[in-house]
Amino acid sequence: MQKIALVTGAYQGIGLATSELLMEQGFHVIMADIQSCSALVNNFRQKGYTASHLKLDLAMSSIFPAVANKIEEQFGRLDVLVNNAAILVDLGRHPSLIDEDTYRRVIEVNQIGPFLLTRALTPLLKKSSQARIVNVSSQAGQLAQLSDMASPIKDDVCAAYQSSKIGVNANTVLFAKELEPFGIKVNSYCPGWVDSGMNLDELPDYGEHIRLKSPKEGADTAIWLATLDADGPTAGFFSEREKINW
């Protein structure tokens, strides 16, 4: 039986790479994005893959029940959910400098949207024999690093984005604890610096050269987490397939 995956933010970057890599492993991938993925889906179908597309705005949670109903009607279940979509619009803004509208928008898209989407899709994930949820987070929101006043990246601040990714990690642990009895594994991962649509014009100066990863390199850990066997981890935070501190 072909497995079904939904990937948010699938139009470009890590989301697009994750979608393609899952297709290569035999998944039918529902490519969800605020941008239309119809042309991408057609291209993948021409390559022999199976995919479909879904217009999805994470700030419009009122449509999530309809999304769940559509997936249930078409497929009956969901095997993998990759919460990848996010925005970064506050680079360099400290907490006291960020405006309320920007802060609320980032939290809405990056944390609340994925939380509510996961909640809406949980009944479909429970219908899978071995469902997996992968939340794309960031070491920019790693509390171990943020609380280190001697950290080499102490001054790299994006207050709303960092807050939202801390929230994503909280989402991960909360859903992992609830869904463990159903055999559903939920994990976060940091893809690292990736040459993607969210790219920054200039990388922060960490005192050493940083090579941007390709989107497929950035998606590698997502694929690993999406295809974990029954003995794999849950409620963890990973980078390069290795567990890291929250």
Protein backbone atom coordinates (compact mmCIF):
# COMPACT_ATOMS: atom_id res chain seq x y z
CA MET A 1 0.00 0.00 0.00
CA GLN A 2 1.42 3.37 -1.04
CA LYS A 3 2.14 5.71 1.85
CA ILE A 4 0.70 9.23 1.90
CA ALA A 5 2.65 12.29 3.03
CA LEU A 6 1.71 15.95 3.33
CA VAL A 7 4.50 18.52 3.14
CA THR A 8 3.83 22.20 3.88
CA GLY A 9 5.88 24.90 2.22
CA ALA A 10 6.39 22.50 -0.68
CA TYR A 11 6.69 25.12 -3.42
CA GLN A 12 10.42 25.69 -3.03
CA GLY A 13 13.55 25.05 -0.99
CA ILE A 14 13.55 22.37 1.70
CA GLY A 15 9.85 21.64 1.26
CA LEU A 16 10.25 20.97 -2.45
CA ALA A 17 13.32 18.81 -1.85
CA THR A 18 11.56 16.88 0.91
CA SER A 19 8.61 16.25 -1.39
CA GLU A 20 10.82 14.90 -4.17
CA LEU A 21 12.88 12.70 -1.85
CA LEU A 22 9.72 11.20 -0.37
CA MET A 23 8.41 10.51 -3.88
CA GLU A 24 11.66 8.74 -4.68
CA GLN A 25 10.89 6.45 -1.74
CA GLY A 26 7.49 5.62 -3.17
CA PHE A 27 5.26 8.07 -1.30
CA HIS A 28 2.31 9.90 -2.76
CA VAL A 29 3.07 13.45 -1.65
CA ILE A 30 0.44 16.12 -1.11
CA MET A 31 2.38 19.30 -1.86
CA ALA A 32 0.83 22.08 0.23
CA ASP A 33 1.75 25.73 -0.02
CA ILE A 34 0.32 29.23 -0.15
CA GLN A 35 1.70 29.22 -3.72
CA SER A 36 0.16 26.87 -6.27
CA CYS A 37 2.13 23.63 -6.69
CA SER A 38 0.09 22.42 -9.67
CA ALA A 39 2.88 22.87 -12.23
CA LEU A 40 5.36 21.13 -9.94
CA VAL A 41 2.97 18.21 -9.47
CA ASN A 42 2.56 17.89 -13.24
CA ASN A 43 6.34 17.78 -13.67
CA PHE A 44 6.69 15.09 -11.04
CA ARG A 45 3.91 13.04 -12.62
CA GLN A 46 5.75 13.18 -15.93
CA LYS A 47 8.73 11.63 -14.14
CA GLY A 48 6.54 8.76 -12.98
CA TYR A 49 5.95 9.94 -9.42
CA THR A 50 2.56 10.30 -7.77
CA ALA A 51 1.66 13.62 -6.19
CA SER A 52 -1.17 16.08 -5.67
CA HIS A 53 -1.32 19.71 -4.67
CA LEU A 54 -3.16 21.69 -2.02
CA LYS A 55 -3.44 25.45 -1.55
CA LEU A 56 -2.74 26.06 2.12
CA ASP A 57 -2.31 29.22 4.15
CA LEU A 58 -1.20 28.38 7.69
CA ALA A 59 -2.69 31.63 8.95
CA MET A 60 -6.18 30.43 7.92
CA SER A 61 -6.87 27.68 10.42
CA SER A 62 -10.59 27.74 9.60
CA ILE A 63 -9.85 25.68 6.46
CA PHE A 64 -7.97 22.91 8.28
CA PRO A 65 -11.04 20.72 8.94
CA ALA A 66 -11.87 20.86 5.22
CA VAL A 67 -8.27 19.90 4.40
CA ALA A 68 -8.55 16.90 6.71
CA ASN A 69 -11.89 15.89 5.18
CA LYS A 70 -10.45 16.09 1.66
CA ILE A 71 -7.48 13.90 2.56
CA GLU A 72 -9.77 11.39 4.26
CA GLU A 73 -12.05 11.22 1.22
CA GLN A 74 -9.14 10.72 -1.19
CA PHE A 75 -6.78 8.54 0.84
CA GLY A 76 -8.47 7.46 4.07
CA ARG A 77 -5.42 8.19 6.20
CA LEU A 78 -2.15 10.12 6.44
CA ASP A 79 1.20 8.43 7.07
CA VAL A 80 3.59 11.40 7.25
CA LEU A 81 3.15 15.08 8.06
CA VAL A 82 6.10 17.42 7.49
CA ASN A 83 5.47 20.85 9.01
CA ASN A 84 8.03 22.77 6.98
CA ALA A 85 6.45 26.09 6.01
CA ALA A 86 7.68 29.16 7.91
CA ILE A 87 8.54 32.82 7.48
CA LEU A 88 11.59 34.82 8.61
CA VAL A 89 10.95 38.57 8.39
CA ASP A 90 12.56 39.97 11.54
CA LEU A 91 16.29 39.42 11.18
CA GLY A 92 18.22 41.71 13.51
CA ARG A 93 15.18 42.80 15.53
CA HIS A 94 15.46 42.53 19.30
CA PRO A 95 12.34 41.91 21.41
CA SER A 96 11.90 45.57 22.32
CA LEU A 97 12.13 46.66 18.68
CA ILE A 98 9.75 44.29 16.94
CA ASP A 99 6.25 45.56 16.22
CA GLU A 100 3.25 43.64 17.48
CA ASP A 101 1.78 42.87 14.06
CA THR A 102 5.01 41.29 12.83
CA TYR A 103 5.42 39.27 16.01
CA ARG A 104 1.86 37.97 15.85
CA ARG A 105 2.14 37.13 12.14
CA VAL A 106 5.33 35.11 12.60
CA ILE A 107 3.95 33.19 15.58
CA GLU A 108 0.70 32.55 13.71
CA VAL A 109 2.39 31.08 10.63
CA ASN A 110 5.35 29.34 12.24
CA GLN A 111 3.91 27.90 15.43
CA ILE A 112 0.13 28.23 15.81
CA GLY A 113 -0.64 27.18 12.23
CA PRO A 114 1.40 23.96 12.41
CA PHE A 115 -0.04 23.18 15.85
CA LEU A 116 -3.63 23.51 14.64
CA LEU A 117 -2.94 21.70 11.37
CA THR A 118 -1.38 18.80 13.27
CA ARG A 119 -4.38 18.73 15.58
CA ALA A 120 -6.76 18.63 12.62
CA LEU A 121 -4.83 15.81 10.95
CA THR A 122 -4.27 13.70 14.08
CA PRO A 123 -7.32 11.45 13.45
CA LEU A 124 -5.94 10.62 9.97
CA LEU A 125 -2.47 9.96 11.35
CA LYS A 126 -3.95 7.57 13.90
CA LYS A 127 -5.37 5.56 10.98
CA SER A 128 -1.85 4.88 9.74
CA SER A 129 0.00 1.83 11.00
CA GLN A 130 3.21 3.79 11.57
CA ALA A 131 2.66 7.54 11.26
CA ARG A 132 5.43 10.10 11.57
CA ILE A 133 5.35 13.87 12.18
CA VAL A 134 8.42 15.96 11.32
CA ASN A 135 8.61 19.57 12.48
CA VAL A 136 11.22 21.75 10.81
CA SER A 137 12.75 23.88 13.55
CA SER A 138 16.02 25.79 13.91
CA GLN A 139 19.00 26.00 16.21
CA ALA A 140 18.25 29.74 16.19
CA GLY A 141 15.49 28.78 18.62
CA GLN A 142 17.60 26.39 20.66
CA LEU A 143 17.28 27.37 24.33
CA ALA A 144 20.67 25.85 25.16
CA GLN A 145 22.28 28.28 22.73
CA LEU A 146 20.05 31.27 23.45
CA SER A 147 20.71 31.09 27.18
CA ASP A 148 24.50 30.93 26.69
CA MET A 149 25.70 34.51 27.10
CA ALA A 150 29.09 33.47 25.69
CA SER A 151 27.61 31.89 22.53
CA PRO A 152 29.39 32.93 19.31
CA ILE A 153 25.98 33.64 17.79
CA LYS A 154 24.64 35.56 20.80
CA ASP A 155 24.09 38.71 18.73
CA ASP A 156 22.22 36.99 15.88
CA VAL A 157 18.69 37.95 16.85
CA CYS A 158 15.31 37.50 15.18
CA ALA A 159 13.00 37.65 18.18
CA ALA A 160 9.74 36.55 16.55
CA TYR A 161 11.30 33.76 14.48
CA GLN A 162 13.30 32.45 17.44
CA SER A 163 10.23 32.53 19.69
CA SER A 164 8.20 30.69 17.07
CA LYS A 165 10.78 27.91 16.73
CA ILE A 166 10.91 27.45 20.49
CA GLY A 167 7.14 27.02 20.18
CA VAL A 168 7.56 24.49 17.37
CA ASN A 169 9.79 22.42 19.64
CA ALA A 170 7.14 22.62 22.35
CA ASN A 171 4.57 21.42 19.80
CA THR A 172 6.84 18.47 19.06
CA VAL A 173 7.15 17.31 22.66
CA LEU A 174 3.46 17.82 23.46
CA PHE A 175 2.22 15.84 20.46
CA ALA A 176 4.91 13.18 20.92
CA LYS A 177 3.71 12.48 24.46
CA GLU A 178 0.06 12.35 23.43
CA LEU A 179 0.57 10.20 20.35
CA GLU A 180 3.17 7.73 21.64
CA PRO A 181 0.48 5.18 22.62
CA PHE A 182 -0.62 5.12 18.97
CA GLY A 183 2.87 4.36 17.65
CA ILE A 184 3.18 7.86 16.14
CA LYS A 185 6.65 9.41 16.36
CA VAL A 186 7.02 13.20 16.48
CA ASN A 187 10.40 14.93 16.12
CA SER A 188 11.95 18.32 15.35
CA TYR A 189 15.05 18.95 13.31
CA CYS A 190 17.28 21.83 12.23
CA PRO A 191 18.25 21.70 8.54
CA GLY A 192 21.15 24.16 8.96
CA TRP A 193 22.02 26.92 6.49
CA VAL A 194 20.31 25.95 3.25
CA ASP A 195 20.29 27.64 -0.15
CA SER A 196 16.53 28.08 -0.23
CA GLY A 197 13.78 30.62 -0.68
CA MET A 198 14.24 31.80 2.92
CA ASN A 199 17.90 32.61 2.30
CA LEU A 200 19.48 35.64 3.88
CA ASP A 201 21.37 38.08 1.69
CA GLU A 202 24.37 37.77 3.98
CA LEU A 203 25.24 35.00 6.37
CA PRO A 204 26.11 36.03 9.92
CA ASP A 205 29.84 36.24 10.54
CA TYR A 206 30.71 33.33 12.81
CA GLY A 207 34.41 33.82 12.24
CA GLU A 208 34.66 30.93 9.78
CA HIS A 209 33.45 30.04 6.32
CA ILE A 210 29.97 28.58 6.12
CA ARG A 211 28.95 26.51 3.12
CA LEU A 212 25.29 26.66 2.22
CA LYS A 213 23.72 23.23 1.92
CA SER A 214 21.64 22.27 -1.08
CA PRO A 215 17.91 21.87 -0.35
CA LYS A 216 18.26 18.08 -0.64
CA GLU A 217 21.08 18.11 1.88
CA GLY A 218 18.92 20.19 4.18
CA ALA A 219 16.04 17.75 3.74
CA ASP A 220 18.07 14.62 4.54
CA THR A 221 17.23 14.52 8.25
CA ALA A 222 13.56 15.14 7.47
CA ILE A 223 13.47 12.03 5.27
CA TRP A 224 15.24 10.01 7.96
CA LEU A 225 12.70 11.09 10.58
CA ALA A 226 9.76 10.55 8.22
CA THR A 227 10.80 6.95 7.61
CA LEU A 228 11.89 5.89 11.11
CA ASP A 229 11.21 2.29 12.00
CA ALA A 230 9.37 1.22 15.15
CA ASP A 231 12.55 1.44 17.24
CA GLY A 232 13.30 5.02 16.17
CA PRO A 233 13.27 8.03 18.51
CA THR A 234 10.41 10.32 19.36
CA ALA A 235 10.17 13.70 21.17
CA GLY A 236 13.67 14.62 19.99
CA PHE A 237 15.50 17.52 18.36
CA PHE A 238 18.00 16.58 15.63
CA SER A 239 20.61 17.97 13.28
CA GLU A 240 22.51 15.88 10.72
CA ARG A 241 20.62 12.82 12.06
CA GLU A 242 22.16 13.40 15.50
CA LYS A 243 20.23 14.38 18.62
CA ILE A 244 20.93 17.90 19.91
CA ASN A 245 19.91 19.88 23.00
CA TRP A 246 16.65 21.77 23.06
